Amino acid sequence: SDSNKGIQYDLQFEEGKYRVDGFILLSAEGSGTKVTWSNRGDVGGSPVGKLLARFMDPIMGPDLEEGLQNLKEIVEKKE
């Protein structure tokens, strides 16, 4: 909807061999804002690419959680 706003980005791994498209969507929800952070990519059919995909959540998850926590702290300081 028109009330949804966000940031789109792309990440590259292994000097551009693997690419991940990401999006941080901000949408109004009640008196607050819902943040949805997603990543999507094609790692190809190689065993190395498939192994990389299996470990993306454990690898990137902590960084995404930290990023969301930092965003929360910044927003709450401005209120």
N, C-alpha and C. Protein backbone atom coordinates (compact mmCIF):
# COMPACT_ATOMS: atom_id res chain seq x y z
N SER A 1 0.83 -1.19 0.00
CA SER A 1 0.00 0.00 0.00
C SER A 1 0.87 1.25 0.00
N ASP A 2 0.23 2.42 -0.14
CA ASP A 2 0.97 3.67 -0.19
C ASP A 2 1.63 4.01 1.14
N SER A 3 1.14 3.42 2.24
CA SER A 3 1.72 3.71 3.55
C SER A 3 2.99 2.89 3.80
N ASN A 4 3.29 1.93 2.93
CA ASN A 4 4.50 1.13 3.07
C ASN A 4 5.68 1.85 2.43
N LYS A 5 6.77 1.90 3.15
CA LYS A 5 7.99 2.51 2.63
C LYS A 5 9.12 1.58 2.98
N GLY A 6 10.26 1.75 2.33
CA GLY A 6 11.35 0.86 2.68
C GLY A 6 12.65 1.20 1.98
N ILE A 7 13.58 0.32 2.18
CA ILE A 7 14.92 0.45 1.63
C ILE A 7 15.25 -0.85 0.92
N GLN A 8 15.72 -0.75 -0.30
CA GLN A 8 16.14 -1.93 -1.06
C GLN A 8 17.65 -1.88 -1.20
N TYR A 9 18.30 -3.06 -1.11
CA TYR A 9 19.76 -3.11 -1.23
C TYR A 9 20.18 -4.44 -1.83
N ASP A 10 21.44 -4.53 -2.25
CA ASP A 10 21.96 -5.82 -2.68
C ASP A 10 23.34 -6.04 -2.05
N LEU A 11 23.61 -7.30 -1.74
CA LEU A 11 24.89 -7.71 -1.18
C LEU A 11 25.54 -8.67 -2.16
N GLN A 12 26.87 -8.62 -2.23
CA GLN A 12 27.60 -9.54 -3.08
C GLN A 12 28.63 -10.27 -2.24
N PHE A 13 28.73 -11.57 -2.48
CA PHE A 13 29.69 -12.42 -1.78
C PHE A 13 30.62 -13.05 -2.80
N GLU A 14 31.81 -13.40 -2.36
CA GLU A 14 32.80 -14.06 -3.21
C GLU A 14 33.04 -13.25 -4.48
N GLU A 15 33.31 -11.95 -4.30
CA GLU A 15 33.62 -11.03 -5.40
C GLU A 15 32.54 -11.03 -6.48
N GLY A 16 31.29 -11.03 -6.05
CA GLY A 16 30.17 -10.94 -6.97
C GLY A 16 29.64 -12.27 -7.47
N LYS A 17 30.23 -13.37 -7.04
CA LYS A 17 29.77 -14.69 -7.50
C LYS A 17 28.36 -14.98 -7.00
N TYR A 18 28.06 -14.54 -5.77
CA TYR A 18 26.74 -14.73 -5.20
C TYR A 18 26.17 -13.37 -4.86
N ARG A 19 24.88 -13.18 -5.17
CA ARG A 19 24.23 -11.90 -4.93
C ARG A 19 22.96 -12.12 -4.13
N VAL A 20 22.73 -11.25 -3.17
CA VAL A 20 21.53 -11.30 -2.33
C VAL A 20 20.82 -9.96 -2.45
N ASP A 21 19.54 -10.01 -2.79
CA ASP A 21 18.70 -8.81 -2.81
C ASP A 21 18.01 -8.71 -1.46
N GLY A 22 18.06 -7.55 -0.87
CA GLY A 22 17.43 -7.37 0.43
C GLY A 22 16.47 -6.21 0.42
N PHE A 23 15.55 -6.24 1.39
CA PHE A 23 14.57 -5.17 1.49
C PHE A 23 14.18 -5.01 2.95
N ILE A 24 14.15 -3.77 3.40
CA ILE A 24 13.65 -3.44 4.73
C ILE A 24 12.36 -2.66 4.50
N LEU A 25 11.24 -3.29 4.84
CA LEU A 25 9.92 -2.69 4.62
C LEU A 25 9.41 -2.11 5.93
N LEU A 26 8.96 -0.86 5.87
CA LEU A 26 8.39 -0.17 7.03
C LEU A 26 6.92 0.07 6.74
N SER A 27 6.05 -0.41 7.61
CA SER A 27 4.61 -0.21 7.40
C SER A 27 3.95 0.18 8.72
N ALA A 28 3.00 1.09 8.61
CA ALA A 28 2.28 1.56 9.80
C ALA A 28 1.48 0.41 10.39
N GLU A 29 1.55 0.30 11.72
CA GLU A 29 0.78 -0.72 12.42
C GLU A 29 0.37 -0.15 13.77
N GLY A 30 -0.91 0.15 13.90
CA GLY A 30 -1.39 0.79 15.12
C GLY A 30 -0.71 2.13 15.31
N SER A 31 -0.16 2.36 16.49
CA SER A 31 0.55 3.61 16.75
C SER A 31 2.04 3.48 16.49
N GLY A 32 2.46 2.34 15.94
CA GLY A 32 3.88 2.11 15.70
C GLY A 32 4.18 1.79 14.24
N THR A 33 5.33 1.23 14.03
CA THR A 33 5.79 0.85 12.70
C THR A 33 6.28 -0.59 12.73
N LYS A 34 5.79 -1.39 11.81
CA LYS A 34 6.25 -2.77 11.66
C LYS A 34 7.43 -2.77 10.70
N VAL A 35 8.52 -3.45 11.09
CA VAL A 35 9.71 -3.55 10.26
C VAL A 35 9.85 -4.99 9.80
N THR A 36 9.90 -5.19 8.49
CA THR A 36 10.11 -6.52 7.92
C THR A 36 11.41 -6.48 7.13
N TRP A 37 12.36 -7.33 7.49
CA TRP A 37 13.68 -7.34 6.86
C TRP A 37 13.83 -8.68 6.16
N SER A 38 14.01 -8.67 4.85
CA SER A 38 14.11 -9.93 4.11
C SER A 38 15.28 -9.90 3.14
N ASN A 39 15.76 -11.09 2.83
CA ASN A 39 16.84 -11.29 1.87
C ASN A 39 16.45 -12.41 0.93
N ARG A 40 16.83 -12.27 -0.34
CA ARG A 40 16.56 -13.30 -1.33
C ARG A 40 17.73 -13.36 -2.30
N GLY A 41 18.13 -14.55 -2.67
CA GLY A 41 19.24 -14.65 -3.60
C GLY A 41 19.27 -15.98 -4.32
N ASP A 42 20.10 -16.05 -5.34
CA ASP A 42 20.30 -17.26 -6.12
C ASP A 42 21.75 -17.67 -5.95
N VAL A 43 21.96 -18.81 -5.34
CA VAL A 43 23.33 -19.28 -5.11
C VAL A 43 23.75 -20.32 -6.14
N GLY A 44 22.93 -20.52 -7.16
CA GLY A 44 23.27 -21.46 -8.21
C GLY A 44 23.08 -22.90 -7.76
N GLY A 45 23.53 -23.81 -8.60
CA GLY A 45 23.33 -25.23 -8.33
C GLY A 45 24.55 -25.94 -7.78
N SER A 46 25.62 -25.21 -7.54
CA SER A 46 26.84 -25.86 -7.06
C SER A 46 26.69 -26.28 -5.61
N PRO A 47 27.38 -27.34 -5.20
CA PRO A 47 27.33 -27.77 -3.79
C PRO A 47 27.77 -26.67 -2.83
N VAL A 48 28.76 -25.88 -3.24
CA VAL A 48 29.25 -24.80 -2.38
C VAL A 48 28.16 -23.75 -2.20
N GLY A 49 27.48 -23.39 -3.28
CA GLY A 49 26.39 -22.41 -3.20
C GLY A 49 25.26 -22.90 -2.33
N LYS A 50 24.90 -24.17 -2.47
CA LYS A 50 23.82 -24.73 -1.65
C LYS A 50 24.22 -24.77 -0.18
N LEU A 51 25.48 -25.08 0.10
CA LEU A 51 25.96 -25.09 1.48
C LEU A 51 25.93 -23.67 2.06
N LEU A 52 26.35 -22.69 1.25
CA LEU A 52 26.31 -21.30 1.68
C LEU A 52 24.88 -20.89 2.03
N ALA A 53 23.90 -21.28 1.20
CA ALA A 53 22.50 -20.92 1.45
C ALA A 53 22.00 -21.50 2.76
N ARG A 54 22.41 -22.73 3.08
CA ARG A 54 21.95 -23.37 4.32
C ARG A 54 22.43 -22.63 5.56
N PHE A 55 23.58 -21.96 5.44
CA PHE A 55 24.16 -21.30 6.60
C PHE A 55 23.95 -19.79 6.61
N MET A 56 23.15 -19.27 5.69
CA MET A 56 22.91 -17.83 5.65
C MET A 56 22.21 -17.32 6.90
N ASP A 57 21.21 -18.05 7.38
CA ASP A 57 20.50 -17.59 8.57
C ASP A 57 21.43 -17.56 9.78
N PRO A 58 22.17 -18.64 10.07
CA PRO A 58 23.09 -18.56 11.21
C PRO A 58 24.20 -17.51 11.02
N ILE A 59 24.61 -17.29 9.77
CA ILE A 59 25.68 -16.32 9.50
C ILE A 59 25.15 -14.89 9.61
N MET A 60 24.05 -14.61 8.92
CA MET A 60 23.53 -13.24 8.85
C MET A 60 22.54 -12.91 9.95
N GLY A 61 21.90 -13.93 10.52
CA GLY A 61 20.87 -13.71 11.53
C GLY A 61 21.28 -12.80 12.67
N PRO A 62 22.44 -13.08 13.31
CA PRO A 62 22.85 -12.20 14.42
C PRO A 62 23.07 -10.75 13.98
N ASP A 63 23.60 -10.54 12.77
CA ASP A 63 23.81 -9.17 12.28
C ASP A 63 22.46 -8.48 12.03
N LEU A 64 21.49 -9.23 11.48
CA LEU A 64 20.17 -8.64 11.24
C LEU A 64 19.48 -8.30 12.57
N GLU A 65 19.59 -9.20 13.55
CA GLU A 65 19.01 -8.93 14.87
C GLU A 65 19.65 -7.69 15.50
N GLU A 66 20.96 -7.57 15.39
CA GLU A 66 21.66 -6.41 15.94
C GLU A 66 21.22 -5.13 15.22
N GLY A 67 21.06 -5.22 13.90
CA GLY A 67 20.60 -4.06 13.14
C GLY A 67 19.21 -3.62 13.55
N LEU A 68 18.31 -4.59 13.76
CA LEU A 68 16.96 -4.25 14.21
C LEU A 68 16.97 -3.64 15.60
N GLN A 69 17.80 -4.17 16.48
CA GLN A 69 17.90 -3.62 17.84
C GLN A 69 18.44 -2.19 17.80
N ASN A 70 19.46 -1.95 16.97
CA ASN A 70 20.01 -0.60 16.83
C ASN A 70 18.96 0.37 16.30
N LEU A 71 18.19 -0.08 15.31
CA LEU A 71 17.11 0.76 14.76
C LEU A 71 16.10 1.09 15.85
N LYS A 72 15.71 0.10 16.64
CA LYS A 72 14.75 0.30 17.73
C LYS A 72 15.27 1.33 18.72
N GLU A 73 16.54 1.21 19.11
CA GLU A 73 17.11 2.16 20.07
C GLU A 73 17.15 3.58 19.51
N ILE A 74 17.49 3.72 18.26
CA ILE A 74 17.55 5.05 17.63
C ILE A 74 16.17 5.68 17.59
N VAL A 75 15.18 4.89 17.18
CA VAL A 75 13.81 5.41 17.06
C VAL A 75 13.26 5.79 18.43
N GLU A 76 13.49 4.96 19.44
CA GLU A 76 12.95 5.24 20.77
C GLU A 76 13.61 6.46 21.41
N LYS A 77 14.85 6.75 21.07
CA LYS A 77 15.51 7.95 21.60
C LYS A 77 14.88 9.21 21.03
N LYS A 78 14.36 9.14 19.82
CA LYS A 78 13.79 10.33 19.16
C LYS A 78 12.36 10.60 19.58
N GLU A 79 11.73 9.65 20.25
CA GLU A 79 10.32 9.84 20.65
C GLU A 79 10.19 10.78 21.81
